[in-house]
């Protein structure tokens, strides 16, 4: 018998991959949803299985690759009515608090003050690491508390003033990144009204230019028209301060001032709506043009390789939108100082650095490259004159160390967006113990590749660089605004111990209070339950 010879010989192969239309992908995803929905709730969910709701994120954007990660007893069911009502009230409460006149006027003042880049601060720890050719993670570092010069600071006062001037707007120092599984009409809207940047994904359903542009347009239209609660209406004194900040003619009457006040308030939300675009000039201009027509002026160039394609794309966008100074370009992911300087020269208004360490993005694992975000961030000080954000990079809970080293904002899609407001939040997977679960994977996960039809002729995803998974959502983390509040509180506490009132104040200092910690010292400051 020569079976081994037969097996070792070449087989005939005539496989070809025919692109599967997005509409067919939606049908297949809907079938997966039906297969896992709680039996008695099928009639309730069925009407929501529409193309519009796949785009808006009302229902989860499942693929066949997600199913293996579901708990065996988990079923898809609507959020309980009482719980959803409580979450909606909490959302409204937080958004009102963050948009009361005192808060809005502070943001307006921050945006009216020129951005001052971090000083060329010196750190003997970071300099020594560079000299020795060593890279570190944020877990290896801390930002030590300076000697106090005054009495105890109010956490509440600092919490109300944590905004940073990011591209001419007073924004919170957190962004909702372009991870597809946190993206929905509700999550993007919530983040924008929370006064943080959000970058609408270009993955899964939204890899289609028209679908992404339609969602962005719907969000912008909503933000421009949503009825405003009485609690955020300004007093005459508020209007007077507003007039002073924007340098309004004193002859303007109060009715006009109020109209202009709300126009500026809404505009402060709308400019937070950004979108991820390709790091390839032709494709990027095509996508950005469609988004621009819908009112979007904030574009995030996304390239996991962090190469010169970012620079070429920034130049093409600047040429395309040369007549509009409102267009803002964020270039990423930047992986070295030289590319950062070229991106700045090419017209980027901000950059994003950071390679993830394998949580949802496996780029560093597959490419066997170091996660050196703290080292790169330090090297940018004094060389980069635009805001620097961090995507991934292992920041974790080390927000103050990131800010002390020079970051203006940190992207936190998982920590902020895995919530009822996120993709599929209205219908969440629930197990027999009442635990909630949501799909959560990176931009280059197997599931995202399936949706974009980035498959080879054998039906295998191409170049997977992100994990596909199902994430358990603790009930304390169900609310997106509560997640934002937690980050605000953490930042406020950190600033108190840094003896600083604002992140801008940290940037003005030398960062010689950065210390390296031993593994034992690091273990002493882990979060509860970690």
Protein backbone atom coordinates (compact mmCIF):
# COMPACT_ATOMS: atom_id res chain seq x y z
CA UNK A 1 0.00 0.00 0.00
CA UNK A 2 1.30 3.41 -0.93
CA UNK A 3 -1.28 5.54 0.81
CA UNK A 4 1.39 7.87 2.14
CA UNK A 5 2.51 8.60 -1.42
CA UNK A 6 -1.03 9.45 -2.45
CA UNK A 7 -1.51 11.75 0.54
CA UNK A 8 1.81 13.46 -0.10
CA UNK A 9 1.05 14.16 -3.75
CA UNK A 10 -0.49 17.45 -4.87
CA UNK A 11 -4.29 17.60 -4.97
CA UNK A 12 -6.25 19.32 -7.64
CA UNK A 13 -7.31 22.78 -6.43
CA UNK A 14 -9.77 24.99 -8.24
CA UNK A 15 -10.88 27.07 -5.28
CA UNK A 16 -11.67 30.73 -5.90
CA UNK A 17 -13.04 33.24 -3.43
CA UNK A 18 -16.12 35.10 -4.54
CA UNK A 19 -16.85 38.21 -2.53
CA UNK A 20 -19.89 37.90 -0.30
CA UNK A 21 -22.13 41.00 -0.37
CA UNK A 22 -22.65 42.84 2.89
CA UNK A 23 -26.38 42.12 2.73
CA UNK A 24 -25.61 38.39 2.77
CA UNK A 25 -23.29 38.83 5.73
CA UNK A 26 -26.13 40.53 7.61
CA UNK A 27 -28.46 37.64 6.80
CA UNK A 28 -25.93 35.12 8.08
CA UNK A 29 -25.37 37.18 11.23
CA UNK A 30 -29.12 37.43 11.79
CA UNK A 31 -29.35 33.63 11.54
CA UNK A 32 -26.67 33.29 14.24
CA UNK A 33 -28.62 35.68 16.46
CA UNK A 34 -31.80 33.66 15.99
CA UNK A 35 -29.93 30.49 16.93
CA UNK A 36 -28.84 31.93 20.27
CA UNK A 37 -31.81 34.04 21.21
CA UNK A 38 -33.86 33.11 24.24
CA UNK A 39 -36.85 31.19 22.86
CA UNK A 40 -39.62 33.26 24.35
CA UNK A 41 -37.99 36.50 23.21
CA UNK A 42 -37.67 35.62 19.52
CA UNK A 43 -40.80 37.60 18.52
CA UNK A 44 -39.44 40.64 20.36
CA UNK A 45 -36.01 40.60 18.71
CA UNK A 46 -37.10 39.63 15.19
CA UNK A 47 -38.32 43.12 14.14
CA UNK A 48 -34.92 44.56 15.08
CA UNK A 49 -32.99 42.27 12.72
CA UNK A 50 -32.69 44.94 10.05
CA UNK A 51 -29.77 46.43 8.06
CA UNK A 52 -30.30 49.78 9.80
CA UNK A 53 -29.93 48.16 13.21
CA UNK A 54 -26.78 46.31 12.19
CA UNK A 55 -25.35 49.70 11.22
CA UNK A 56 -26.61 51.45 14.36
CA UNK A 57 -25.44 48.68 16.68
CA UNK A 58 -28.85 47.95 18.16
CA UNK A 59 -28.08 44.25 17.72
CA UNK A 60 -24.72 42.47 18.03
CA UNK A 61 -22.70 42.10 14.82
CA UNK A 62 -22.03 38.40 15.20
CA UNK A 63 -19.94 36.18 12.97
CA UNK A 64 -19.53 32.41 12.96
CA UNK A 65 -16.19 32.91 14.71
CA UNK A 66 -17.80 34.49 17.79
CA UNK A 67 -19.97 31.53 18.65
CA UNK A 68 -17.30 29.29 20.20
CA UNK A 69 -16.63 31.87 22.91
CA UNK A 70 -20.21 32.10 24.17
CA UNK A 71 -20.88 30.45 27.54
CA UNK A 72 -22.84 27.26 26.92
CA UNK A 73 -25.87 28.50 28.84
CA UNK A 74 -25.86 32.07 27.47
CA UNK A 75 -28.86 33.30 25.50
CA UNK A 76 -29.53 36.60 23.79
CA UNK A 77 -32.35 38.51 25.44
CA UNK A 78 -33.52 42.10 25.85
CA UNK A 79 -32.18 44.05 28.79
CA UNK A 80 -34.74 43.85 31.63
CA UNK A 81 -37.07 46.85 31.46
CA UNK A 82 -36.42 48.07 35.02
CA UNK A 83 -32.65 47.81 34.61
CA UNK A 84 -32.71 49.58 31.26
CA UNK A 85 -34.82 52.39 32.73
CA UNK A 86 -32.33 52.85 35.56
CA UNK A 87 -29.40 52.90 33.12
CA UNK A 88 -31.12 55.47 30.91
CA UNK A 89 -31.72 57.73 33.93
CA UNK A 90 -28.08 57.36 34.98
CA UNK A 91 -26.91 58.24 31.47
CA UNK A 92 -29.05 61.39 31.39
CA UNK A 93 -27.92 62.44 34.86
CA UNK A 94 -24.24 62.20 33.97
CA UNK A 95 -24.58 63.93 30.61
CA UNK A 96 -26.49 66.80 32.22
CA UNK A 97 -23.85 67.21 34.93
CA UNK A 98 -21.08 67.40 32.34
CA UNK A 99 -22.91 69.98 30.26
CA UNK A 100 -24.17 72.43 32.82
CA UNK A 101 -23.13 76.01 32.03
CA UNK A 102 -20.18 75.99 34.44
CA UNK A 103 -18.78 72.90 32.74
CA UNK A 104 -19.39 74.09 29.19
CA UNK A 105 -17.94 77.53 29.86
CA UNK A 106 -14.84 75.95 31.35
CA UNK A 107 -14.40 73.78 28.25
CA UNK A 108 -14.90 76.82 26.08
CA UNK A 109 -12.18 78.67 28.02
CA UNK A 110 -9.80 75.73 27.71
CA UNK A 111 -10.36 75.59 23.96
CA UNK A 112 -9.80 79.33 23.63
CA UNK A 113 -6.40 79.07 25.33
CA UNK A 114 -3.54 78.08 23.00
CA UNK A 115 -2.32 74.50 23.30
CA UNK A 116 1.04 74.37 25.03
CA UNK A 117 2.94 71.15 24.25
CA UNK A 118 4.73 69.32 27.06
CA UNK A 119 8.01 70.93 28.01
CA UNK A 120 11.32 69.29 27.20
CA UNK A 121 11.26 67.68 30.63
CA UNK A 122 14.14 65.55 31.77
CA UNK A 123 13.84 62.22 33.55
CA UNK A 124 17.02 60.50 34.72
CA UNK A 125 15.11 57.20 34.78
CA UNK A 126 13.92 57.47 31.18
CA UNK A 127 17.32 58.76 30.02
CA UNK A 128 19.09 55.85 31.71
CA UNK A 129 16.73 53.34 30.12
CA UNK A 130 17.36 54.87 26.68
CA UNK A 131 21.13 54.81 27.22
CA UNK A 132 20.98 51.14 28.20
CA UNK A 133 18.71 50.24 25.26
CA UNK A 134 15.94 49.11 27.59
CA UNK A 135 12.22 49.49 26.98
CA UNK A 136 9.67 49.41 29.77
CA UNK A 137 5.94 49.07 30.20
CA UNK A 138 3.72 51.36 32.19
CA UNK A 139 3.59 48.61 34.81
CA UNK A 140 7.32 49.24 35.38
CA UNK A 141 6.85 52.94 36.08
CA UNK A 142 5.04 55.29 38.44
CA UNK A 143 4.71 59.04 38.75
CA UNK A 144 5.82 59.83 42.27
CA UNK A 145 3.96 62.44 44.31
CA UNK A 146 5.86 65.74 44.73
CA UNK A 147 6.33 67.39 48.10
CA UNK A 148 3.17 69.41 48.93
CA UNK A 149 3.37 73.19 48.93
CA UNK A 150 -0.21 73.94 49.90
CA UNK A 151 -3.08 72.37 51.79
CA UNK A 152 -5.41 69.63 50.65
CA UNK A 153 -6.91 70.04 47.16
CA UNK A 154 -10.56 69.44 46.38
CA UNK A 155 -11.13 66.39 44.24
CA UNK A 156 -14.50 67.81 43.21
CA UNK A 157 -12.99 71.06 41.93
CA UNK A 158 -10.36 69.20 39.92
CA UNK A 159 -12.92 66.73 38.58
CA UNK A 160 -14.87 69.58 37.03
CA UNK A 161 -11.77 70.87 35.26
CA UNK A 162 -9.97 67.84 33.84
CA UNK A 163 -10.44 68.94 30.21
CA UNK A 164 -7.42 69.38 27.95
CA UNK A 165 -7.06 71.58 24.87
CA UNK A 166 -7.04 68.95 22.12
CA UNK A 167 -7.01 70.51 18.66
CA UNK A 168 -8.69 73.72 19.80
CA UNK A 169 -11.43 72.07 21.84
CA UNK A 170 -11.72 71.53 25.58
CA UNK A 171 -12.11 67.76 25.76
CA UNK A 172 -11.85 65.10 28.43
CA UNK A 173 -8.55 63.19 28.10
CA UNK A 174 -10.22 59.93 27.06
CA UNK A 175 -11.30 58.81 23.61
CA UNK A 176 -13.54 56.02 22.38
CA UNK A 177 -11.33 54.25 19.85
CA UNK A 178 -12.36 52.56 16.63
CA UNK A 179 -12.78 49.01 17.95
CA UNK A 180 -15.88 47.80 16.06
CA UNK A 181 -17.60 45.95 18.90
CA UNK A 182 -18.05 49.05 21.07
CA UNK A 183 -19.35 51.16 18.22
CA UNK A 184 -23.02 52.05 18.00
CA UNK A 185 -25.18 55.10 17.43
CA UNK A 186 -25.76 55.27 21.17
CA UNK A 187 -22.15 54.76 22.30
CA UNK A 188 -20.74 57.31 19.86
CA UNK A 189 -23.45 59.82 20.77
CA UNK A 190 -22.88 59.27 24.48
CA UNK A 191 -19.13 59.77 24.18
CA UNK A 192 -19.52 62.96 22.15
CA UNK A 193 -21.94 64.50 24.68
CA UNK A 194 -19.55 63.39 27.43
CA UNK A 195 -17.09 65.71 25.67
CA UNK A 196 -14.65 63.07 24.52
CA UNK A 197 -13.48 62.24 21.01
CA UNK A 198 -14.87 59.17 19.34
CA UNK A 199 -13.66 57.52 16.15
CA UNK A 200 -16.38 55.66 14.31
CA UNK A 201 -15.04 52.27 13.26
CA UNK A 202 -14.38 51.31 9.65
CA UNK A 203 -14.65 47.61 10.41
CA UNK A 204 -17.38 44.98 10.25
CA UNK A 205 -20.57 46.52 8.77
CA UNK A 206 -18.91 49.94 8.75
CA UNK A 207 -16.09 48.82 6.45
CA UNK A 208 -18.57 49.82 3.77
CA UNK A 209 -17.99 53.53 3.13
CA UNK A 210 -21.68 54.31 2.68
CA UNK A 211 -22.68 52.53 5.89
CA UNK A 212 -20.04 54.36 7.92
CA UNK A 213 -20.94 57.73 6.39
CA UNK A 214 -24.66 57.14 6.97
CA UNK A 215 -24.08 56.36 10.65
CA UNK A 216 -21.87 59.41 11.11
CA UNK A 217 -24.44 61.61 9.38
CA UNK A 218 -27.27 60.27 11.54
CA UNK A 219 -25.28 60.94 14.71
CA UNK A 220 -24.38 64.49 13.67
CA UNK A 221 -27.99 65.25 12.75
CA UNK A 222 -29.17 63.95 16.10
CA UNK A 223 -26.64 66.00 18.05
CA UNK A 224 -27.71 69.10 16.16
CA UNK A 225 -31.40 68.64 16.94
CA UNK A 226 -31.82 66.68 20.18
CA UNK A 227 -34.06 68.43 22.68
CA UNK A 228 -32.04 69.90 25.53
CA UNK A 229 -33.00 69.55 29.21
CA UNK A 230 -33.80 72.63 31.27
CA UNK A 231 -30.93 71.88 33.67
CA UNK A 232 -28.33 72.95 31.11
CA UNK A 233 -29.91 76.30 30.23
CA UNK A 234 -27.66 79.29 31.01
CA UNK A 235 -28.46 82.17 33.35
CA UNK A 236 -27.90 85.82 32.33
CA UNK A 237 -24.56 85.68 34.19
CA UNK A 238 -23.62 82.55 32.22
CA UNK A 239 -24.46 84.31 28.97
CA UNK A 240 -22.33 87.28 29.98
CA UNK A 241 -19.36 85.01 30.65
CA UNK A 242 -20.02 83.22 27.37
CA UNK A 243 -19.92 86.56 25.56
CA UNK A 244 -16.58 87.42 27.16
CA UNK A 245 -15.01 84.08 26.26
CA UNK A 246 -15.96 84.26 22.58
CA UNK A 247 -15.40 88.03 22.48
CA UNK A 248 -18.95 88.83 21.44
CA UNK A 249 -20.04 92.40 20.69
CA UNK A 250 -21.63 93.82 23.90
CA UNK A 251 -24.56 95.13 21.83
CA UNK A 252 -25.78 91.59 21.06
CA UNK A 253 -29.09 90.95 22.85
CA UNK A 254 -29.66 88.07 25.29
CA UNK A 255 -31.90 86.08 22.93
CA UNK A 256 -29.15 86.04 20.31
CA UNK A 257 -26.56 85.18 22.95
CA UNK A 258 -28.64 82.21 24.09
CA UNK A 259 -29.08 80.99 20.52
CA UNK A 260 -25.34 81.27 19.92
CA UNK A 261 -24.64 79.58 23.26
CA UNK A 262 -26.58 76.47 22.28
CA UNK A 263 -25.12 76.47 18.78
CA UNK A 264 -21.64 76.38 20.29
CA UNK A 265 -22.67 73.73 22.81
CA UNK A 266 -24.00 71.44 20.08
CA UNK A 267 -20.97 72.16 17.93
CA UNK A 268 -18.72 71.11 20.83
CA UNK A 269 -20.39 67.70 20.69
CA UNK A 270 -20.42 67.39 16.91
CA UNK A 271 -16.70 68.06 16.53
CA UNK A 272 -16.05 65.05 18.78
CA UNK A 273 -17.50 62.75 16.11
CA UNK A 274 -14.51 61.46 14.18
CA UNK A 275 -14.10 58.48 11.92
CA UNK A 276 -11.36 55.97 11.19
CA UNK A 277 -10.09 56.01 7.60
CA UNK A 278 -7.54 54.02 5.63
CA UNK A 279 -3.82 54.84 5.65
CA UNK A 280 -3.76 54.90 1.86
CA UNK A 281 -4.25 58.22 0.07
CA UNK A 282 -6.76 57.24 -2.61
CA UNK A 283 -8.99 55.14 -0.36
CA UNK A 284 -8.69 57.63 2.50
CA UNK A 285 -9.74 60.60 0.36
CA UNK A 286 -12.71 58.63 -0.99
CA UNK A 287 -13.90 57.66 2.50
CA UNK A 288 -13.16 61.06 4.04
CA UNK A 289 -15.05 62.80 1.23
CA UNK A 290 -18.16 60.72 1.92
CA UNK A 291 -17.85 61.46 5.63
CA UNK A 292 -17.24 65.16 4.99
CA UNK A 293 -20.49 65.38 3.05
CA UNK A 294 -22.27 64.16 6.18
CA UNK A 295 -20.67 66.85 8.35
CA UNK A 296 -17.65 64.98 9.75
CA UNK A 297 -14.49 67.07 10.16
CA UNK A 298 -12.37 64.78 12.36
CA UNK A 299 -10.46 61.97 10.65
CA UNK A 300 -8.27 59.33 12.22
CA UNK A 301 -5.76 57.74 9.86
CA UNK A 302 -5.33 54.18 11.08
CA UNK A 303 -2.31 52.06 10.17
CA UNK A 304 -1.13 49.27 12.50
CA UNK A 305 2.31 49.33 10.85
CA UNK A 306 2.90 53.00 11.66
CA UNK A 307 4.78 53.74 8.44
CA UNK A 308 5.14 56.50 5.85
CA UNK A 309 1.67 55.70 4.49
CA UNK A 310 0.33 57.81 7.37
CA UNK A 311 2.33 60.79 6.13
CA UNK A 312 1.28 60.32 2.51
CA UNK A 313 -2.37 60.08 3.56
CA UNK A 314 -2.16 63.19 5.75
CA UNK A 315 -0.73 65.16 2.81
CA UNK A 316 -3.51 63.93 0.51
CA UNK A 317 -6.19 64.93 3.02
CA UNK A 318 -4.65 68.36 3.52
CA UNK A 319 -4.67 68.88 -0.23
CA UNK A 320 -8.26 67.66 -0.55
CA UNK A 321 -9.58 69.86 2.26
CA UNK A 322 -7.14 72.76 1.89
CA UNK A 323 -9.92 75.33 2.10
CA UNK A 324 -11.40 74.12 5.40
CA UNK A 325 -9.47 74.85 8.59
CA UNK A 326 -12.09 72.94 10.60
CA UNK A 327 -10.78 69.62 9.26
CA UNK A 328 -8.67 67.88 11.89
CA UNK A 329 -6.39 64.93 11.15
CA UNK A 330 -5.16 62.45 13.73
CA UNK A 331 -2.32 60.21 12.52
CA UNK A 332 -1.65 56.78 13.96
CA UNK A 333 -0.33 54.44 15.01
CA UNK A 334 3.02 56.25 15.20
CA UNK A 335 5.88 54.00 16.30
CA UNK A 336 8.98 56.24 16.28
CA UNK A 337 10.06 59.85 16.72
CA UNK A 338 11.06 60.42 13.10
CA UNK A 339 7.65 59.37 11.75
CA UNK A 340 5.95 61.50 14.40
CA UNK A 341 7.87 64.57 13.26
CA UNK A 342 7.05 63.85 9.60
CA UNK A 343 3.35 63.35 10.43
CA UNK A 344 3.33 66.70 12.21
CA UNK A 345 5.00 68.37 9.23
CA UNK A 346 2.50 66.70 6.86
CA UNK A 347 -0.42 68.40 8.57
CA UNK A 348 -1.55 66.07 11.35
CA UNK A 349 -3.24 67.99 14.17
CA UNK A 350 -2.61 65.19 16.67
CA UNK A 351 -0.98 61.78 16.66
CA UNK A 352 -1.74 58.48 18.35
CA UNK A 353 1.00 56.14 19.49
CA UNK A 354 0.95 52.71 21.08
CA UNK A 355 0.99 49.07 20.12
CA UNK A 356 -1.18 46.80 22.22
CA UNK A 357 0.31 43.98 24.23
CA UNK A 358 -1.96 41.19 23.04
CA UNK A 359 -5.19 41.78 24.91
CA UNK A 360 -7.43 42.37 21.90
CA UNK A 361 -4.71 43.36 19.43
CA UNK A 362 -2.01 40.75 18.84
CA UNK A 363 0.21 42.84 16.55
CA UNK A 364 3.13 42.97 18.99
CA UNK A 365 2.85 39.22 19.58
CA UNK A 366 2.73 38.28 15.90
CA UNK A 367 5.42 40.74 14.83
CA UNK A 368 7.58 40.11 17.93
CA UNK A 369 8.08 43.83 18.49
CA UNK A 370 8.35 45.55 21.85
CA UNK A 371 5.55 47.52 23.44
CA UNK A 372 7.62 50.61 24.20
CA UNK A 373 4.96 53.28 24.57
CA UNK A 374 6.46 55.01 27.66
CA UNK A 375 9.87 55.28 25.98
CA UNK A 376 8.39 56.71 22.78
CA UNK A 377 6.13 59.10 24.66
CA UNK A 378 9.12 60.48 26.57
CA UNK A 379 11.16 60.88 23.38
CA UNK A 380 8.41 63.05 21.85
CA UNK A 381 8.63 65.69 24.58
CA UNK A 382 10.05 68.92 23.26
CA UNK A 383 9.99 67.57 19.70
CA UNK A 384 6.27 67.32 18.97
CA UNK A 385 4.10 70.43 19.19
CA UNK A 386 0.70 68.75 18.76
CA UNK A 387 -1.34 66.61 21.19
CA UNK A 388 -0.26 63.00 21.60
CA UNK A 389 -2.75 60.25 22.37
CA UNK A 390 -2.19 56.62 23.28
CA UNK A 391 -4.06 53.63 21.86
CA UNK A 392 -3.44 50.46 23.83
CA UNK A 393 0.19 50.52 24.81
CA UNK A 394 -0.53 48.91 28.15
CA UNK A 395 -1.62 52.14 29.89
CA UNK A 396 -4.18 50.27 31.98
CA UNK A 397 -4.67 52.12 35.25
CA UNK A 398 -1.47 54.14 34.84
CA UNK A 399 -3.18 57.25 33.54
CA UNK A 400 -1.14 59.68 35.62
CA UNK A 401 2.17 58.23 34.47
CA UNK A 402 1.00 58.55 30.86
CA UNK A 403 -0.11 62.16 31.40
CA UNK A 404 3.10 63.00 33.30
CA UNK A 405 5.16 61.65 30.41
CA UNK A 406 3.30 63.91 27.98
CA UNK A 407 0.09 62.24 26.76
CA UNK A 408 -2.90 64.51 26.20
CA UNK A 409 -5.46 61.72 25.88
CA UNK A 410 -5.80 57.96 26.15
CA UNK A 411 -8.06 55.79 24.00
CA UNK A 412 -10.11 53.44 26.16
CA UNK A 413 -12.60 51.60 23.92
CA UNK A 414 -12.88 48.48 26.05
CA UNK A 415 -13.05 50.19 29.41
CA UNK A 416 -15.54 52.80 28.22
CA UNK A 417 -17.51 51.18 25.43
CA UNK A 418 -18.24 47.66 26.65
CA UNK A 419 -21.59 48.71 28.07
CA UNK A 420 -25.30 48.72 27.35
CA UNK A 421 -24.71 51.69 25.06
CA UNK A 422 -22.22 49.65 23.02
CA UNK A 423 -22.86 47.49 19.98
CA UNK A 424 -25.75 45.16 20.71
CA UNK A 425 -26.26 46.62 24.17
CA UNK A 426 -30.03 46.60 23.93
CA UNK A 427 -29.84 42.83 23.52
CA UNK A 428 -27.10 41.24 25.62
CA UNK A 429 -26.12 37.64 26.20
CA UNK A 430 -27.16 36.47 29.64
CA UNK A 431 -26.29 33.22 31.40
CA UNK A 432 -28.33 31.30 33.96
CA UNK A 433 -26.72 33.30 36.78
CA UNK A 434 -27.78 36.64 35.33
CA UNK A 435 -24.30 37.59 34.08
CA UNK A 436 -24.03 39.72 30.93
CA UNK A 437 -21.72 39.13 27.97
CA UNK A 438 -20.88 41.08 24.81
CA UNK A 439 -18.74 40.29 21.76
CA UNK A 440 -15.46 42.22 21.90
CA UNK A 441 -12.59 41.97 19.43
CA UNK A 442 -9.99 44.18 17.78
CA UNK A 443 -10.05 45.91 14.41
CA UNK A 444 -8.16 42.99 12.86
CA UNK A 445 -9.92 40.16 14.69
CA UNK A 446 -11.17 37.06 12.90
CA UNK A 447 -14.72 38.31 13.22
CA UNK A 448 -13.84 41.71 11.75
CA UNK A 449 -12.02 40.01 8.87
CA UNK A 450 -15.12 37.92 8.16
CA UNK A 451 -17.36 40.98 8.02
CA UNK A 452 -14.98 42.77 5.66
CA UNK A 453 -14.72 39.58 3.58
CA UNK A 454 -10.95 39.62 3.97
CA UNK A 455 -10.73 35.88 3.39
CA UNK A 456 -8.57 33.67 1.20
CA UNK A 457 -9.91 31.16 -1.34
CA UNK A 458 -10.11 28.48 1.36
CA UNK A 459 -12.32 30.62 3.59
CA UNK A 460 -9.57 31.53 6.06
CA UNK A 461 -9.22 35.07 7.44
CA UNK A 462 -6.18 37.01 6.22
CA UNK A 463 -3.60 38.50 8.56
CA UNK A 464 -5.45 38.25 11.84
CA UNK A 465 -3.94 40.63 14.41
CA UNK A 466 -6.66 40.77 17.00
CA UNK A 467 -8.52 38.38 19.22
CA UNK A 468 -12.19 37.56 18.79
CA UNK A 469 -13.81 37.01 22.15
CA UNK A 470 -16.87 37.40 24.34
CA UNK A 471 -16.33 39.71 27.30
CA UNK A 472 -18.19 39.41 30.58
CA UNK A 473 -19.70 42.76 31.55
CA UNK A 474 -19.91 43.29 35.32
CA UNK A 475 -23.09 45.06 36.36
CA UNK A 476 -21.02 47.94 37.79
CA UNK A 477 -19.62 48.48 34.29
CA UNK A 478 -22.89 48.31 32.36
CA UNK A 479 -23.17 52.08 32.07
CA UNK A 480 -20.87 53.88 29.64
CA UNK A 481 -21.19 57.16 31.50
CA UNK A 482 -20.35 55.39 34.77
CA UNK A 483 -17.23 54.04 33.08
CA UNK A 484 -16.33 57.59 32.00
CA UNK A 485 -17.03 58.87 35.51
CA UNK A 486 -14.69 56.24 36.93
CA UNK A 487 -11.89 57.45 34.64
CA UNK A 488 -12.64 61.08 35.53
CA UNK A 489 -12.51 60.23 39.23
CA UNK A 490 -9.25 58.31 38.81
CA UNK A 491 -7.70 61.26 36.98
CA UNK A 492 -8.90 63.72 39.61
CA UNK A 493 -7.44 61.65 42.45
CA UNK A 494 -4.19 61.32 40.52
CA UNK A 495 -3.92 65.05 39.98
CA UNK A 496 -4.48 65.67 43.69
CA UNK A 497 -1.51 63.47 44.51
CA UNK A 498 0.54 65.09 41.74
CA UNK A 499 -0.18 68.45 43.44
CA UNK A 500 -1.50 69.68 40.09
CA UNK A 501 -4.81 71.26 39.10
CA UNK A 502 -4.76 70.21 35.46
CA UNK A 503 -3.04 67.87 33.01
CA UNK A 504 -1.66 70.97 31.28
CA UNK A 505 0.13 71.79 34.54
CA UNK A 506 1.73 68.34 34.51
CA UNK A 507 2.92 68.93 30.96
CA UNK A 508 4.61 72.16 32.00
CA UNK A 509 6.75 70.34 34.56
CA UNK A 510 9.88 68.31 34.25
CA UNK A 511 8.95 64.63 34.48
CA UNK A 512 11.84 63.73 36.78
CA UNK A 513 9.34 62.34 39.26
CA UNK A 514 8.98 59.25 37.02
CA UNK A 515 10.34 56.31 38.95
CA UNK A 516 11.00 52.70 38.04
CA UNK A 517 9.42 50.15 40.36
CA UNK A 518 10.38 46.61 41.20
CA UNK A 519 7.91 43.77 40.56
CA UNK A 520 7.21 43.60 44.31
CA UNK A 521 6.58 47.34 44.49
CA UNK A 522 4.32 47.12 41.45
CA UNK A 523 2.30 44.31 43.01
CA UNK A 524 1.47 46.49 46.01
CA UNK A 525 -0.53 48.93 43.89
CA UNK A 526 -2.83 46.64 41.97
CA UNK A 527 -6.51 47.42 41.72
CA UNK A 528 -8.89 45.56 44.01
CA UNK A 529 -9.54 42.03 42.82
CA UNK A 530 -6.66 42.05 40.33
